[in-house]
Structures are given as C-alpha cells and as structure tokens.
Amino acid sequence: MNLPKVITDLVKAQDNFDSNAYANCFTETAVVFDEGKTYKGKAAIQNWIEKANQAYQITMKPIEYSETKQELTADISGNFPGNPALLTYHFEFKDELIENLKIV
C-alpha cells in the first residue's frame, strides 16, 4: 500500500507508543476529533495520544487508503473493549503535515 509519508510516520509512531513523534505529524494548529472529543493544537494532540497510549496501548495495521478521499482504514488493536476494531481516519493535509484528523 502506498501511503503518504506523514501517515507512514503516524502509524510508526503509534506502534512505538511515541507521543512526541505522533504529534510531530501534525501542524501547530491541527485539530483531532476522536470519540466525541476535539483536541486543538499540537500540544493537546500530544497529551491526548500520550494518555491513550498509556491506557490502551493501541497499534495500527493499515488496511486500505484512498488518496482521493484522504482516508485510511486501519485495524486497531490494544487494551480496550471491543478489541480489535476497524476504524477510519479522515485526513486533511497542509504542507505535508496533518491539519485535521477525524477518527470514526
């Protein structure tokens, strides 16, 4: 599967539970929407993923990527109810970084 570099970096950071590397995939003004909550800015995103990593130890296995829709379907595993889960990541990019991410 041919993924944009920033998504490849995001998956690698997630699988290594590296919240700093994960946050570095986003612009300074990025917004993430996940589980009904919104996280604005790189620092908030890093804090959110750090807590999620500690609680759930989530890993991602990309299944399908649509370049036209800018969305990734991934198999998510970890310590959470309903494990594993198939989630869709809807991206918007700016300057080769993630500007917006909605996880459903």
C-alpha atoms as a PDB file:
ATOM      1  CA  MET A   1       0.000   0.000   0.000  1.00  0.00           C
ATOM      2  CA  ASN A   2       1.344   3.408  -0.953  1.00  0.00           C
ATOM      3  CA  LEU A   3       0.751   5.784   1.961  1.00  0.00           C
ATOM      4  CA  PRO A   4       1.803   9.422   2.228  1.00  0.00           C
ATOM      5  CA  LYS A   5       4.984   9.722   4.302  1.00  0.00           C
ATOM      6  CA  VAL A   6       3.205  11.546   7.122  1.00  0.00           C
ATOM      7  CA  ILE A   7       0.703   8.675   7.512  1.00  0.00           C
ATOM      8  CA  THR A   8       3.515   6.111   7.472  1.00  0.00           C
ATOM      9  CA  ASP A   9       5.231   8.187  10.187  1.00  0.00           C
ATOM     10  CA  LEU A  10       1.968   8.385  12.171  1.00  0.00           C
ATOM     11  CA  VAL A  11       1.467   4.603  12.090  1.00  0.00           C
ATOM     12  CA  LYS A  12       5.095   4.006  13.109  1.00  0.00           C
ATOM     13  CA  ALA A  13       4.811   6.490  15.983  1.00  0.00           C
ATOM     14  CA  GLN A  14       1.568   4.856  17.151  1.00  0.00           C
ATOM     15  CA  ASP A  15       3.020   1.367  17.029  1.00  0.00           C
ATOM     16  CA  ASN A  16       6.039   2.571  19.049  1.00  0.00           C
ATOM     17  CA  PHE A  17       3.800   4.443  21.546  1.00  0.00           C
ATOM     18  CA  ASP A  18       5.857   7.575  20.755  1.00  0.00           C
ATOM     19  CA  SER A  19       3.574  10.525  21.504  1.00  0.00           C
ATOM     20  CA  ASN A  20       6.231  13.089  20.530  1.00  0.00           C
ATOM     21  CA  ALA A  21       6.777  11.555  17.077  1.00  0.00           C
ATOM     22  CA  TYR A  22       2.984  11.200  16.700  1.00  0.00           C
ATOM     23  CA  ALA A  23       2.418  14.890  17.473  1.00  0.00           C
ATOM     24  CA  ASN A  24       5.177  15.851  15.023  1.00  0.00           C
ATOM     25  CA  CYS A  25       2.981  14.508  12.207  1.00  0.00           C
ATOM     26  CA  PHE A  26       0.597  17.450  12.798  1.00  0.00           C
ATOM     27  CA  THR A  27       0.714  21.181  12.115  1.00  0.00           C
ATOM     28  CA  GLU A  28       0.857  23.541  15.106  1.00  0.00           C
ATOM     29  CA  THR A  29      -2.833  24.412  14.597  1.00  0.00           C
ATOM     30  CA  ALA A  30      -4.077  20.890  13.848  1.00  0.00           C
ATOM     31  CA  VAL A  31      -7.392  19.567  15.123  1.00  0.00           C
ATOM     32  CA  VAL A  32      -8.199  15.945  16.017  1.00  0.00           C
ATOM     33  CA  PHE A  33     -11.725  14.644  16.589  1.00  0.00           C
ATOM     34  CA  ASP A  34     -11.946  11.256  18.320  1.00  0.00           C
ATOM     35  CA  GLU A  35     -14.649   9.601  20.454  1.00  0.00           C
ATOM     36  CA  GLY A  36     -16.752  12.765  20.565  1.00  0.00           C
ATOM     37  CA  LYS A  37     -13.897  14.982  21.777  1.00  0.00           C
ATOM     38  CA  THR A  38     -11.895  17.618  19.946  1.00  0.00           C
ATOM     39  CA  TYR A  39      -8.187  18.286  20.529  1.00  0.00           C
ATOM     40  CA  LYS A  40      -6.791  21.566  19.175  1.00  0.00           C
ATOM     41  CA  GLY A  41      -3.110  22.242  18.675  1.00  0.00           C
ATOM     42  CA  LYS A  42      -0.028  20.077  18.670  1.00  0.00           C
ATOM     43  CA  ALA A  43       0.404  20.118  22.482  1.00  0.00           C
ATOM     44  CA  ALA A  44      -3.190  18.975  23.078  1.00  0.00           C
ATOM     45  CA  ILE A  45      -2.791  16.247  20.462  1.00  0.00           C
ATOM     46  CA  GLN A  46       0.409  15.003  22.106  1.00  0.00           C
ATOM     47  CA  ASN A  47      -1.268  14.974  25.531  1.00  0.00           C
ATOM     48  CA  TRP A  48      -4.302  13.085  24.146  1.00  0.00           C
ATOM     49  CA  ILE A  49      -2.240  10.387  22.396  1.00  0.00           C
ATOM     50  CA  GLU A  50       0.091  10.007  25.409  1.00  0.00           C
ATOM     51  CA  LYS A  51      -2.892   9.269  27.660  1.00  0.00           C
ATOM     52  CA  ALA A  52      -4.428   6.935  25.065  1.00  0.00           C
ATOM     53  CA  ASN A  53      -1.111   5.076  24.710  1.00  0.00           C
ATOM     54  CA  GLN A  54      -0.848   4.601  28.465  1.00  0.00           C
ATOM     55  CA  ALA A  55      -4.435   3.415  28.806  1.00  0.00           C
ATOM     56  CA  TYR A  56      -4.903   1.313  25.673  1.00  0.00           C
ATOM     57  CA  GLN A  57      -1.512   0.540  24.048  1.00  0.00           C
ATOM     58  CA  ILE A  58      -3.058   0.838  20.597  1.00  0.00           C
ATOM     59  CA  THR A  59      -1.326  -0.428  17.483  1.00  0.00           C
ATOM     60  CA  MET A  60      -2.452   0.228  13.903  1.00  0.00           C
ATOM     61  CA  LYS A  61      -2.453  -2.042  10.872  1.00  0.00           C
ATOM     62  CA  PRO A  62      -3.338  -0.107   7.699  1.00  0.00           C
ATOM     63  CA  ILE A  63      -5.904  -1.985   5.603  1.00  0.00           C
ATOM     64  CA  GLU A  64      -6.819   0.441   2.828  1.00  0.00           C
ATOM     65  CA  TYR A  65      -6.002   4.021   1.812  1.00  0.00           C
ATOM     66  CA  SER A  66      -7.976   6.244  -0.534  1.00  0.00           C
ATOM     67  CA  GLU A  67      -5.892   9.096  -1.896  1.00  0.00           C
ATOM     68  CA  THR A  68      -8.940  10.812  -3.398  1.00  0.00           C
ATOM     69  CA  LYS A  69     -10.905  10.694  -0.128  1.00  0.00           C
ATOM     70  CA  GLN A  70      -7.760  11.113   2.003  1.00  0.00           C
ATOM     71  CA  GLU A  71      -8.876   8.390   4.359  1.00  0.00           C
ATOM     72  CA  LEU A  72      -7.192   5.385   5.904  1.00  0.00           C
ATOM     73  CA  THR A  73      -8.976   2.294   7.137  1.00  0.00           C
ATOM     74  CA  ALA A  74      -6.949   0.563   9.834  1.00  0.00           C
ATOM     75  CA  ASP A  75      -7.289  -2.437  12.113  1.00  0.00           C
ATOM     76  CA  ILE A  76      -6.719  -1.163  15.651  1.00  0.00           C
ATOM     77  CA  SER A  77      -5.615  -3.477  18.460  1.00  0.00           C
ATOM     78  CA  GLY A  78      -4.947  -2.780  22.114  1.00  0.00           C
ATOM     79  CA  ASN A  79      -6.335  -2.958  25.634  1.00  0.00           C
ATOM     80  CA  PHE A  80      -9.852  -1.654  25.062  1.00  0.00           C
ATOM     81  CA  PRO A  81     -13.391  -3.079  24.961  1.00  0.00           C
ATOM     82  CA  GLY A  82     -14.278  -4.381  21.509  1.00  0.00           C
ATOM     83  CA  ASN A  83     -10.631  -5.074  20.641  1.00  0.00           C
ATOM     84  CA  PRO A  84      -9.766  -5.237  17.763  1.00  0.00           C
ATOM     85  CA  ALA A  85     -11.682  -2.547  15.869  1.00  0.00           C
ATOM     86  CA  LEU A  86     -11.766  -1.317  12.302  1.00  0.00           C
ATOM     87  CA  LEU A  87     -11.525   2.495  12.258  1.00  0.00           C
ATOM     88  CA  THR A  88     -11.463   5.081   9.502  1.00  0.00           C
ATOM     89  CA  TYR A  89      -9.096   8.045   9.706  1.00  0.00           C
ATOM     90  CA  HIS A  90     -10.232  11.068   7.660  1.00  0.00           C
ATOM     91  CA  PHE A  91      -7.307  13.404   6.950  1.00  0.00           C
ATOM     92  CA  GLU A  92      -6.782  16.951   5.741  1.00  0.00           C
ATOM     93  CA  PHE A  93      -3.194  17.899   4.983  1.00  0.00           C
ATOM     94  CA  LYS A  94      -1.275  21.169   4.944  1.00  0.00           C
ATOM     95  CA  ASP A  95       2.394  21.459   3.960  1.00  0.00           C
ATOM     96  CA  GLU A  96       2.750  17.637   4.072  1.00  0.00           C
ATOM     97  CA  LEU A  97       1.550  17.507   7.692  1.00  0.00           C
ATOM     98  CA  ILE A  98      -1.854  16.632   9.132  1.00  0.00           C
ATOM     99  CA  GLU A  99      -4.069  19.699   9.631  1.00  0.00           C
ATOM    100  CA  ASN A 100      -7.268  17.846  10.558  1.00  0.00           C
ATOM    101  CA  LEU A 101      -7.971  14.267  11.592  1.00  0.00           C
ATOM    102  CA  LYS A 102     -11.360  12.734  12.306  1.00  0.00           C
ATOM    103  CA  ILE A 103     -11.381   9.145  13.601  1.00  0.00           C
ATOM    104  CA  VAL A 104     -14.605   7.167  13.240  1.00  0.00           C
END
